[in-house]
Amino acid sequence: MSSPGPGDAPGRSSAPTAEIDLDWLSLEDGESIQWASTPHKYSLVPAFVFGIPLSLVLIGIPLLVGSYLQYTNTNYVVTNRGLYSKRGILSRDVQQIGFDKVQNISYSQSALGSSFGYGSVEISTAGGSGVELEFRSIPDPASVQELIAGEIDNRQGRDSESATTTDDVLDEILEELRVIRRAVTHDDENHPEGARTAGPAGGGTEAQPSADEE
């Protein structure tokens, strides 16, 4: 299955990121990747700014190594059905939210993020408390937010069409039942029970004389 290139936010070009390994991602039948990225490479700038001077006394080396490993082992994916986040260096933490649960989407950029073209997208769910999923330091967060909103609208449109089709089918069934009911009622009115007085040949019951007539 082909997928968008790493860090390719829809509609705009963005700075390249490390090649993405999506072996951890398991998609359902009919599910396709719309966007995938690691954090923006320039989000490592603060770690290098503080880590390089501190590396002279060996304190900054773990900071630099940890920041880089966290960067390369963090993946964010948008499919046509939901959102995925994978984090973790030694362990793996995968989070998934379907579009049917998304209640609100917002994005934010710090001063540094605005300068270098990265920011975060926050996703809240119905019934949840606060932000349930966050795409941190991704390239072009505004376009990613727009992509997610568009996928949600598409899903709602499909659900609406499906509901309309279901209603149409139910209406047809009800109309058929009404026709059958009217036909049965009309037949009962034309042939009321006990109205036939024909003799045995007609399938009815012959009337018996009363005592006065005898």
C-alpha atoms as a PDB file:
ATOM      1  CA  MET A   1       0.000   0.000   0.000  1.00  0.00           C
ATOM      2  CA  SER A   2       1.396   3.373  -0.920  1.00  0.00           C
ATOM      3  CA  SER A   3       1.257   6.197   1.584  1.00  0.00           C
ATOM      4  CA  PRO A   4       2.058   9.887   1.659  1.00  0.00           C
ATOM      5  CA  GLY A   5       5.702  10.721   2.124  1.00  0.00           C
ATOM      6  CA  PRO A   6       7.044  11.434   5.577  1.00  0.00           C
ATOM      7  CA  GLY A   7       6.044  14.810   6.860  1.00  0.00           C
ATOM      8  CA  ASP A   8       3.993  15.693   3.778  1.00  0.00           C
ATOM      9  CA  ALA A   9       1.209  17.780   5.228  1.00  0.00           C
ATOM     10  CA  PRO A  10      -1.668  18.087   2.738  1.00  0.00           C
ATOM     11  CA  GLY A  11      -1.796  21.144   0.560  1.00  0.00           C
ATOM     12  CA  ARG A  12       1.600  22.564   1.510  1.00  0.00           C
ATOM     13  CA  SER A  13       5.233  21.570   1.380  1.00  0.00           C
ATOM     14  CA  SER A  14       7.005  21.004   4.682  1.00  0.00           C
ATOM     15  CA  ALA A  15      10.500  20.287   5.879  1.00  0.00           C
ATOM     16  CA  PRO A  16      11.514  16.648   5.395  1.00  0.00           C
ATOM     17  CA  THR A  17      11.563  14.330   8.378  1.00  0.00           C
ATOM     18  CA  ALA A  18      13.126  10.949   9.035  1.00  0.00           C
ATOM     19  CA  GLU A  19      11.808   8.001   7.057  1.00  0.00           C
ATOM     20  CA  ILE A  20       8.749   6.549   8.765  1.00  0.00           C
ATOM     21  CA  ASP A  21       8.488   2.885   9.754  1.00  0.00           C
ATOM     22  CA  LEU A  22       4.791   1.968   9.896  1.00  0.00           C
ATOM     23  CA  ASP A  23       5.189  -1.755  10.593  1.00  0.00           C
ATOM     24  CA  TRP A  24       3.384  -1.179  13.888  1.00  0.00           C
ATOM     25  CA  LEU A  25       0.253   0.067  12.114  1.00  0.00           C
ATOM     26  CA  SER A  26      -2.547  -2.433  11.511  1.00  0.00           C
ATOM     27  CA  LEU A  27      -5.269  -1.212   9.144  1.00  0.00           C
ATOM     28  CA  GLU A  28      -8.734  -2.630   8.632  1.00  0.00           C
ATOM     29  CA  ASP A  29     -10.137  -3.634   5.251  1.00  0.00           C
ATOM     30  CA  GLY A  30     -10.846  -0.522   3.202  1.00  0.00           C
ATOM     31  CA  GLU A  31      -8.778   1.710   5.486  1.00  0.00           C
ATOM     32  CA  SER A  32      -6.100   3.826   3.802  1.00  0.00           C
ATOM     33  CA  ILE A  33      -3.436   6.271   5.006  1.00  0.00           C
ATOM     34  CA  GLN A  34      -4.136   9.929   4.240  1.00  0.00           C
ATOM     35  CA  TRP A  35      -1.134  11.442   6.050  1.00  0.00           C
ATOM     36  CA  ALA A  36       1.786  10.219   8.149  1.00  0.00           C
ATOM     37  CA  SER A  37       4.661  11.999   9.843  1.00  0.00           C
ATOM     38  CA  THR A  38       7.183  12.083  12.635  1.00  0.00           C
ATOM     39  CA  PRO A  39       7.637  15.323  14.581  1.00  0.00           C
ATOM     40  CA  HIS A  40       9.258  18.127  12.579  1.00  0.00           C
ATOM     41  CA  LYS A  41      13.055  17.882  12.574  1.00  0.00           C
ATOM     42  CA  TYR A  42      13.347  21.485  13.744  1.00  0.00           C
ATOM     43  CA  SER A  43      11.552  20.531  16.955  1.00  0.00           C
ATOM     44  CA  LEU A  44      14.950  19.126  17.978  1.00  0.00           C
ATOM     45  CA  VAL A  45      16.487  22.613  17.964  1.00  0.00           C
ATOM     46  CA  PRO A  46      15.875  23.303  21.688  1.00  0.00           C
ATOM     47  CA  ALA A  47      17.473  19.974  22.643  1.00  0.00           C
ATOM     48  CA  PHE A  48      20.559  20.778  20.557  1.00  0.00           C
ATOM     49  CA  VAL A  49      20.738  24.344  21.863  1.00  0.00           C
ATOM     50  CA  PHE A  50      20.915  23.124  25.444  1.00  0.00           C
ATOM     51  CA  GLY A  51      22.470  19.722  24.850  1.00  0.00           C
ATOM     52  CA  ILE A  52      25.555  20.662  22.844  1.00  0.00           C
ATOM     53  CA  PRO A  53      27.033  23.031  25.459  1.00  0.00           C
ATOM     54  CA  LEU A  54      26.221  20.550  28.225  1.00  0.00           C
ATOM     55  CA  SER A  55      27.868  17.727  26.277  1.00  0.00           C
ATOM     56  CA  LEU A  56      31.218  19.235  27.202  1.00  0.00           C
ATOM     57  CA  VAL A  57      30.595  17.944  30.705  1.00  0.00           C
ATOM     58  CA  LEU A  58      28.844  14.777  29.432  1.00  0.00           C
ATOM     59  CA  ILE A  59      25.473  15.846  30.839  1.00  0.00           C
ATOM     60  CA  GLY A  60      24.147  16.897  27.442  1.00  0.00           C
ATOM     61  CA  ILE A  61      24.915  13.618  25.652  1.00  0.00           C
ATOM     62  CA  PRO A  62      21.979  11.690  27.214  1.00  0.00           C
ATOM     63  CA  LEU A  63      19.747  14.684  26.481  1.00  0.00           C
ATOM     64  CA  LEU A  64      20.729  14.718  22.801  1.00  0.00           C
ATOM     65  CA  VAL A  65      20.475  10.948  22.393  1.00  0.00           C
ATOM     66  CA  GLY A  66      17.129  10.745  24.209  1.00  0.00           C
ATOM     67  CA  SER A  67      15.623  13.596  22.191  1.00  0.00           C
ATOM     68  CA  TYR A  68      16.735  12.044  18.900  1.00  0.00           C
ATOM     69  CA  LEU A  69      15.421   8.579  19.777  1.00  0.00           C
ATOM     70  CA  GLN A  70      12.116  10.036  20.888  1.00  0.00           C
ATOM     71  CA  TYR A  71      11.919  11.952  17.598  1.00  0.00           C
ATOM     72  CA  THR A  72      12.601   8.908  15.419  1.00  0.00           C
ATOM     73  CA  ASN A  73      10.288   6.616  17.404  1.00  0.00           C
ATOM     74  CA  THR A  74       7.252   8.905  17.366  1.00  0.00           C
ATOM     75  CA  ASN A  75       4.781   8.486  14.499  1.00  0.00           C
ATOM     76  CA  TYR A  76       1.460  10.132  13.752  1.00  0.00           C
ATOM     77  CA  VAL A  77      -0.993   8.813  11.163  1.00  0.00           C
ATOM     78  CA  VAL A  78      -4.319   9.976   9.753  1.00  0.00           C
ATOM     79  CA  THR A  79      -6.379   7.414   7.832  1.00  0.00           C
ATOM     80  CA  ASN A  80      -9.815   7.650   6.261  1.00  0.00           C
ATOM     81  CA  ARG A  81     -11.253   6.162   9.456  1.00  0.00           C
ATOM     82  CA  GLY A  82      -9.303   7.555  12.378  1.00  0.00           C
ATOM     83  CA  LEU A  83      -6.154   8.853  14.037  1.00  0.00           C
ATOM     84  CA  TYR A  84      -3.119   6.928  15.283  1.00  0.00           C
ATOM     85  CA  SER A  85      -0.216   7.881  17.524  1.00  0.00           C
ATOM     86  CA  LYS A  86       2.826   5.748  18.337  1.00  0.00           C
ATOM     87  CA  ARG A  87       5.439   6.689  20.927  1.00  0.00           C
ATOM     88  CA  GLY A  88       8.085   4.888  22.885  1.00  0.00           C
ATOM     89  CA  ILE A  89      11.787   4.063  22.669  1.00  0.00           C
ATOM     90  CA  LEU A  90      12.150   0.756  24.517  1.00  0.00           C
ATOM     91  CA  SER A  91       8.417   0.126  24.840  1.00  0.00           C
ATOM     92  CA  ARG A  92       5.629   0.989  22.415  1.00  0.00           C
ATOM     93  CA  ASP A  93       2.557   3.063  23.203  1.00  0.00           C
ATOM     94  CA  VAL A  94      -0.035   3.097  20.401  1.00  0.00           C
ATOM     95  CA  GLN A  95      -3.224   5.150  20.657  1.00  0.00           C
ATOM     96  CA  GLN A  96      -6.118   5.158  18.190  1.00  0.00           C
ATOM     97  CA  ILE A  97      -9.262   7.290  17.980  1.00  0.00           C
ATOM     98  CA  GLY A  98     -12.007   6.788  15.406  1.00  0.00           C
ATOM     99  CA  PHE A  99     -13.543   9.806  13.700  1.00  0.00           C
ATOM    100  CA  ASP A 100     -16.944   8.906  15.175  1.00  0.00           C
ATOM    101  CA  LYS A 101     -15.560   9.764  18.631  1.00  0.00           C
ATOM    102  CA  VAL A 102     -13.866  13.068  17.762  1.00  0.00           C
ATOM    103  CA  GLN A 103     -15.614  16.058  19.320  1.00  0.00           C
ATOM    104  CA  ASN A 104     -13.163  18.921  18.836  1.00  0.00           C
ATOM    105  CA  ILE A 105      -9.890  19.638  16.975  1.00  0.00           C
ATOM    106  CA  SER A 106      -7.520  22.523  17.605  1.00  0.00           C
ATOM    107  CA  TYR A 107      -3.924  23.378  16.829  1.00  0.00           C
ATOM    108  CA  SER A 108      -1.324  25.580  18.469  1.00  0.00           C
ATOM    109  CA  GLN A 109       2.134  26.927  17.643  1.00  0.00           C
ATOM    110  CA  SER A 110       4.759  28.444  19.892  1.00  0.00           C
ATOM    111  CA  ALA A 111       6.889  31.376  18.724  1.00  0.00           C
ATOM    112  CA  LEU A 112       9.656  28.953  17.771  1.00  0.00           C
ATOM    113  CA  GLY A 113       7.178  26.624  16.075  1.00  0.00           C
ATOM    114  CA  SER A 114       5.714  29.454  14.045  1.00  0.00           C
ATOM    115  CA  SER A 115       9.197  30.425  12.881  1.00  0.00           C
ATOM    116  CA  PHE A 116      10.149  26.898  11.815  1.00  0.00           C
ATOM    117  CA  GLY A 117       6.735  25.710  10.591  1.00  0.00           C
ATOM    118  CA  TYR A 118       5.662  23.184  13.210  1.00  0.00           C
ATOM    119  CA  GLY A 119       3.074  22.952  15.965  1.00  0.00           C
ATOM    120  CA  SER A 120       0.680  20.609  17.723  1.00  0.00           C
ATOM    121  CA  VAL A 121      -2.830  19.359  16.932  1.00  0.00           C
ATOM    122  CA  GLU A 122      -5.052  18.472  19.890  1.00  0.00           C
ATOM    123  CA  ILE A 123      -8.031  16.123  19.622  1.00  0.00           C
ATOM    124  CA  SER A 124     -10.838  15.888  22.179  1.00  0.00           C
ATOM    125  CA  THR A 125     -13.466  13.148  22.190  1.00  0.00           C
ATOM    126  CA  ALA A 126     -17.140  13.076  23.109  1.00  0.00           C
ATOM    127  CA  GLY A 127     -17.501  12.214  26.776  1.00  0.00           C
ATOM    128  CA  GLY A 128     -13.766  12.573  27.361  1.00  0.00           C
ATOM    129  CA  SER A 129     -12.085  14.913  29.793  1.00  0.00           C
ATOM    130  CA  GLY A 130      -9.731  17.294  28.054  1.00  0.00           C
ATOM    131  CA  VAL A 131      -7.345  16.380  25.236  1.00  0.00           C
ATOM    132  CA  GLU A 132      -7.383  12.650  24.447  1.00  0.00           C
ATOM    133  CA  LEU A 133      -4.781  12.639  21.663  1.00  0.00           C
ATOM    134  CA  GLU A 134      -2.094  15.113  20.625  1.00  0.00           C
ATOM    135  CA  PHE A 135       0.079  15.257  17.512  1.00  0.00           C
ATOM    136  CA  ARG A 136       3.087  17.095  18.943  1.00  0.00           C
ATOM    137  CA  SER A 137       5.486  19.272  16.955  1.00  0.00           C
ATOM    138  CA  ILE A 138       4.242  18.124  13.546  1.00  0.00           C
ATOM    139  CA  PRO A 139       4.868  19.978  10.266  1.00  0.00           C
ATOM    140  CA  ASP A 140       2.147  22.421   9.199  1.00  0.00           C
ATOM    141  CA  PRO A 141      -0.429  21.719  11.944  1.00  0.00           C
ATOM    142  CA  ALA A 142      -3.086  23.940  10.342  1.00  0.00           C
ATOM    143  CA  SER A 143      -3.225  21.738   7.242  1.00  0.00           C
ATOM    144  CA  VAL A 144      -3.354  18.576   9.333  1.00  0.00           C
ATOM    145  CA  GLN A 145      -6.250  19.996  11.328  1.00  0.00           C
ATOM    146  CA  GLU A 146      -8.006  20.823   8.044  1.00  0.00           C
ATOM    147  CA  LEU A 147      -7.399  17.295   6.763  1.00  0.00           C
ATOM    148  CA  ILE A 148      -8.855  15.725   9.906  1.00  0.00           C
ATOM    149  CA  ALA A 149     -11.900  18.018   9.799  1.00  0.00           C
ATOM    150  CA  GLY A 150     -12.448  17.099   6.145  1.00  0.00           C
ATOM    151  CA  GLU A 151     -12.277  13.366   6.880  1.00  0.00           C
ATOM    152  CA  ILE A 152     -14.794  13.792   9.707  1.00  0.00           C
ATOM    153  CA  ASP A 153     -17.148  15.697   7.382  1.00  0.00           C
ATOM    154  CA  ASN A 154     -16.811  12.960   4.756  1.00  0.00           C
ATOM    155  CA  ARG A 155     -17.651  10.304   7.317  1.00  0.00           C
ATOM    156  CA  GLN A 156     -20.670  12.227   8.577  1.00  0.00           C
ATOM    157  CA  GLY A 157     -21.827  12.651   4.980  1.00  0.00           C
ATOM    158  CA  ARG A 158     -21.557   8.909   4.360  1.00  0.00           C
ATOM    159  CA  ASP A 159     -23.407   8.153   7.599  1.00  0.00           C
ATOM    160  CA  SER A 160     -26.149  10.609   6.622  1.00  0.00           C
ATOM    161  CA  GLU A 161     -26.544   8.984   3.195  1.00  0.00           C
ATOM    162  CA  SER A 162     -26.656   5.554   4.813  1.00  0.00           C
ATOM    163  CA  ALA A 163     -29.325   6.710   7.279  1.00  0.00           C
ATOM    164  CA  THR A 164     -31.351   8.215   4.419  1.00  0.00           C
ATOM    165  CA  THR A 165     -31.145   4.962   2.456  1.00  0.00           C
ATOM    166  CA  THR A 166     -32.255   3.002   5.514  1.00  0.00           C
ATOM    167  CA  ASP A 167     -35.210   5.341   6.030  1.00  0.00           C
ATOM    168  CA  ASP A 168     -36.200   4.958   2.380  1.00  0.00           C
ATOM    169  CA  VAL A 169     -36.142   1.160   2.675  1.00  0.00           C
ATOM    170  CA  LEU A 170     -38.251   1.282   5.843  1.00  0.00           C
ATOM    171  CA  ASP A 171     -40.740   3.613   4.153  1.00  0.00           C
ATOM    172  CA  GLU A 172     -41.074   1.179   1.232  1.00  0.00           C
ATOM    173  CA  ILE A 173     -41.647  -1.740   3.590  1.00  0.00           C
ATOM    174  CA  LEU A 174     -44.278   0.199   5.537  1.00  0.00           C
ATOM    175  CA  GLU A 175     -46.046   1.176   2.324  1.00  0.00           C
ATOM    176  CA  GLU A 176     -46.123  -2.461   1.186  1.00  0.00           C
ATOM    177  CA  LEU A 177     -47.575  -3.473   4.548  1.00  0.00           C
ATOM    178  CA  ARG A 178     -50.264  -0.786   4.198  1.00  0.00           C
ATOM    179  CA  VAL A 179     -51.180  -2.100   0.720  1.00  0.00           C
ATOM    180  CA  ILE A 180     -51.435  -5.652   2.046  1.00  0.00           C
ATOM    181  CA  ARG A 181     -53.564  -4.483   4.987  1.00  0.00           C
ATOM    182  CA  ARG A 182     -55.938  -2.555   2.721  1.00  0.00           C
ATOM    183  CA  ALA A 183     -56.252  -5.589   0.440  1.00  0.00           C
ATOM    184  CA  VAL A 184     -57.053  -7.898   3.367  1.00  0.00           C
ATOM    185  CA  THR A 185     -59.563  -5.401   4.825  1.00  0.00           C
ATOM    186  CA  HIS A 186     -61.267  -4.975   1.430  1.00  0.00           C
ATOM    187  CA  ASP A 187     -61.541  -8.751   1.032  1.00  0.00           C
ATOM    188  CA  ASP A 188     -63.100  -9.116   4.499  1.00  0.00           C
ATOM    189  CA  GLU A 189     -65.688  -6.440   3.679  1.00  0.00           C
ATOM    190  CA  ASN A 190     -66.695  -8.194   0.448  1.00  0.00           C
ATOM    191  CA  HIS A 191     -66.885 -11.635   2.104  1.00  0.00           C
ATOM    192  CA  PRO A 192     -68.012 -11.118   5.707  1.00  0.00           C
ATOM    193  CA  GLU A 193     -67.871 -14.206   7.873  1.00  0.00           C
ATOM    194  CA  GLY A 194     -71.273 -15.952   8.305  1.00  0.00           C
ATOM    195  CA  ALA A 195     -72.940 -13.969   5.489  1.00  0.00           C
ATOM    196  CA  ARG A 196     -73.210 -16.923   3.164  1.00  0.00           C
ATOM    197  CA  THR A 197     -76.613 -18.756   3.370  1.00  0.00           C
ATOM    198  CA  ALA A 198     -76.311 -20.953   0.324  1.00  0.00           C
ATOM    199  CA  GLY A 199     -77.043 -24.645   0.492  1.00  0.00           C
ATOM    200  CA  PRO A 200     -74.497 -27.422   0.613  1.00  0.00           C
ATOM    201  CA  ALA A 201     -73.583 -26.891  -3.022  1.00  0.00           C
ATOM    202  CA  GLY A 202     -72.633 -23.300  -2.230  1.00  0.00           C
ATOM    203  CA  GLY A 203     -70.663 -24.297   0.793  1.00  0.00           C
ATOM    204  CA  GLY A 204     -73.079 -22.491   3.162  1.00  0.00           C
ATOM    205  CA  THR A 205     -75.508 -23.676   5.782  1.00  0.00           C
ATOM    206  CA  GLU A 206     -79.199 -24.158   4.974  1.00  0.00           C
ATOM    207  CA  ALA A 207     -81.496 -22.095   7.152  1.00  0.00           C
ATOM    208  CA  GLN A 208     -83.662 -24.194   9.522  1.00  0.00           C
ATOM    209  CA  PRO A 209     -87.421 -23.437   9.878  1.00  0.00           C
ATOM    210  CA  SER A 210     -88.556 -21.914  13.134  1.00  0.00           C
ATOM    211  CA  ALA A 211     -91.034 -23.632  15.516  1.00  0.00           C
ATOM    212  CA  ASP A 212     -93.940 -21.315  14.432  1.00  0.00           C
ATOM    213  CA  GLU A 213     -93.481 -22.233  10.789  1.00  0.00           C
ATOM    214  CA  GLU A 214     -93.817 -25.936  11.660  1.00  0.00           C
END
